[in-house]
């Protein structure tokens, strides 16, 4: 899962672009994220535990590959934006049915994975449900 710091309007559908403009008027901060769908699920789990949902909305812009896409999170507080940007690189997913054994990894772009090796001391691990 990657966090993007620079936002651009290119490639967005008309409805998404209109919604984005509306949300940018309501929320002062945003973070664009790309990743695997399971990573978005895990990010949502982390958000529920750490950020007030009343200060956050998001748009899922769509798939850019198989089980891979991008979204933008709109946040009312700079503190939420800072937390979100800081945590995204540390969200890993556990794949219990991977062969030959359970795999813990995260994406680093489409079809590129980084396996958890213990180096990421602040790693956040969520099993797939």
Protein backbone atom coordinates (compact mmCIF):
# COMPACT_ATOMS: atom_id res chain seq x y z
CA UNK A 1 0.00 0.00 0.00
CA UNK A 2 1.36 3.39 -0.92
CA UNK A 3 0.43 6.92 0.04
CA UNK A 4 0.48 9.65 -2.56
CA UNK A 5 1.19 13.19 -1.44
CA UNK A 6 0.51 15.00 -4.70
CA UNK A 7 -3.03 15.00 -6.05
CA UNK A 8 -4.00 15.42 -9.68
CA UNK A 9 -7.39 15.41 -11.39
CA UNK A 10 -6.28 13.44 -14.44
CA UNK A 11 -7.96 10.11 -14.92
CA UNK A 12 -10.89 10.67 -12.55
CA UNK A 13 -14.44 10.05 -13.70
CA UNK A 14 -16.66 13.14 -13.93
CA UNK A 15 -18.82 12.07 -10.96
CA UNK A 16 -15.76 11.36 -8.83
CA UNK A 17 -14.18 14.68 -9.76
CA UNK A 18 -17.36 16.57 -8.79
CA UNK A 19 -17.56 14.67 -5.49
CA UNK A 20 -13.87 15.32 -4.85
CA UNK A 21 -14.30 19.07 -5.37
CA UNK A 22 -17.25 19.07 -2.98
CA UNK A 23 -15.33 17.16 -0.30
CA UNK A 24 -12.25 19.37 -0.65
CA UNK A 25 -14.45 22.34 0.28
CA UNK A 26 -15.69 20.50 3.38
CA UNK A 27 -12.38 18.94 4.46
CA UNK A 28 -9.07 20.77 4.47
CA UNK A 29 -6.84 17.68 4.24
CA UNK A 30 -6.69 14.61 2.02
CA UNK A 31 -4.55 11.56 1.34
CA UNK A 32 -4.60 9.51 -1.87
CA UNK A 33 -3.80 5.84 -1.36
CA UNK A 34 -3.29 2.94 -3.75
CA UNK A 35 -3.20 -0.70 -2.78
CA UNK A 36 -4.75 -4.15 -2.81
CA UNK A 37 -8.36 -4.44 -1.74
CA UNK A 38 -7.41 -6.41 1.39
CA UNK A 39 -5.10 -3.54 2.34
CA UNK A 40 -8.00 -1.10 2.08
CA UNK A 41 -9.98 -3.41 4.38
CA UNK A 42 -7.13 -3.33 6.88
CA UNK A 43 -6.77 0.42 6.59
CA UNK A 44 -10.49 0.74 7.39
CA UNK A 45 -10.00 -1.45 10.47
CA UNK A 46 -7.17 0.80 11.62
CA UNK A 47 -9.23 3.95 10.94
CA UNK A 48 -12.13 2.63 13.04
CA UNK A 49 -9.74 2.18 15.96
CA UNK A 50 -7.77 5.41 15.61
CA UNK A 51 -9.68 8.19 13.82
CA UNK A 52 -13.05 9.77 14.54
CA UNK A 53 -15.22 8.72 11.57
CA UNK A 54 -17.13 12.01 11.87
CA UNK A 55 -13.98 13.77 10.66
CA UNK A 56 -13.41 11.56 7.63
CA UNK A 57 -14.97 10.62 4.30
CA UNK A 58 -13.50 8.77 1.37
CA UNK A 59 -13.98 8.08 -2.31
CA UNK A 60 -12.90 4.80 -3.85
CA UNK A 61 -11.92 5.86 -7.36
CA UNK A 62 -11.75 2.37 -8.79
CA UNK A 63 -9.62 -0.52 -9.83
CA UNK A 64 -6.36 -0.06 -11.65
CA UNK A 65 -5.63 -3.78 -11.73
CA UNK A 66 -6.91 -7.10 -10.43
CA UNK A 67 -7.74 -6.58 -6.71
CA UNK A 68 -5.86 -3.27 -6.83
CA UNK A 69 -7.12 0.29 -6.86
CA UNK A 70 -6.95 3.74 -5.38
CA UNK A 71 -8.96 5.93 -3.06
CA UNK A 72 -8.81 9.33 -1.43
CA UNK A 73 -9.47 10.01 2.23
CA UNK A 74 -10.72 13.47 3.19
CA UNK A 75 -9.98 14.53 6.75
CA UNK A 76 -11.16 17.39 8.94
CA UNK A 77 -8.01 17.55 11.07
CA UNK A 78 -4.36 17.87 10.06
CA UNK A 79 -3.60 15.43 12.89
CA UNK A 80 -5.69 12.75 11.15
CA UNK A 81 -3.87 13.34 7.88
CA UNK A 82 -0.48 13.04 9.57
CA UNK A 83 -1.53 9.80 11.33
CA UNK A 84 -2.88 8.29 8.13
CA UNK A 85 0.22 9.14 6.07
CA UNK A 86 2.47 7.76 8.79
CA UNK A 87 0.66 4.44 9.25
CA UNK A 88 -0.02 3.43 5.62
CA UNK A 89 3.51 2.11 4.91
CA UNK A 90 3.25 -0.20 7.94
CA UNK A 91 -0.03 -1.96 7.18
CA UNK A 92 0.60 -5.61 6.31
CA UNK A 93 -1.92 -8.33 5.52
CA UNK A 94 -1.81 -11.96 6.61
CA UNK A 95 -2.82 -14.45 3.92
CA UNK A 96 -3.50 -17.68 5.85
CA UNK A 97 -4.15 -19.82 2.75
CA UNK A 98 -0.99 -18.86 0.88
CA UNK A 99 1.22 -21.71 -0.27
CA UNK A 100 3.42 -23.14 1.11
CA UNK A 101 2.52 -21.37 4.38
CA UNK A 102 0.93 -18.20 5.70
CA UNK A 103 2.24 -15.13 3.96
CA UNK A 104 2.47 -11.68 5.54
CA UNK A 105 3.07 -8.90 3.05
CA UNK A 106 2.04 -5.53 1.65
CA UNK A 107 1.97 -4.10 -1.84
CA UNK A 108 4.52 -1.67 -3.19
CA UNK A 109 2.78 -0.89 -6.44
CA UNK A 110 0.70 -3.13 -8.68
CA UNK A 111 1.90 -6.76 -8.61
CA UNK A 112 4.85 -5.85 -6.37
CA UNK A 113 4.89 -7.17 -2.81
CA UNK A 114 7.10 -6.74 0.20
CA UNK A 115 7.16 -9.69 2.58
CA UNK A 116 7.17 -9.01 6.29
CA UNK A 117 10.57 -9.95 7.68
CA UNK A 118 10.49 -8.47 11.17
CA UNK A 119 12.31 -5.33 10.02
CA UNK A 120 9.16 -3.21 10.26
CA UNK A 121 9.01 -2.73 14.01
CA UNK A 122 5.83 -0.64 13.76
CA UNK A 123 4.07 -3.09 11.44
CA UNK A 124 0.34 -3.47 11.84
CA UNK A 125 -0.90 -6.96 10.99
CA UNK A 126 -4.51 -7.88 10.33
CA UNK A 127 -5.62 -11.37 9.28
CA UNK A 128 -7.98 -11.71 6.32
CA UNK A 129 -11.45 -12.50 7.63
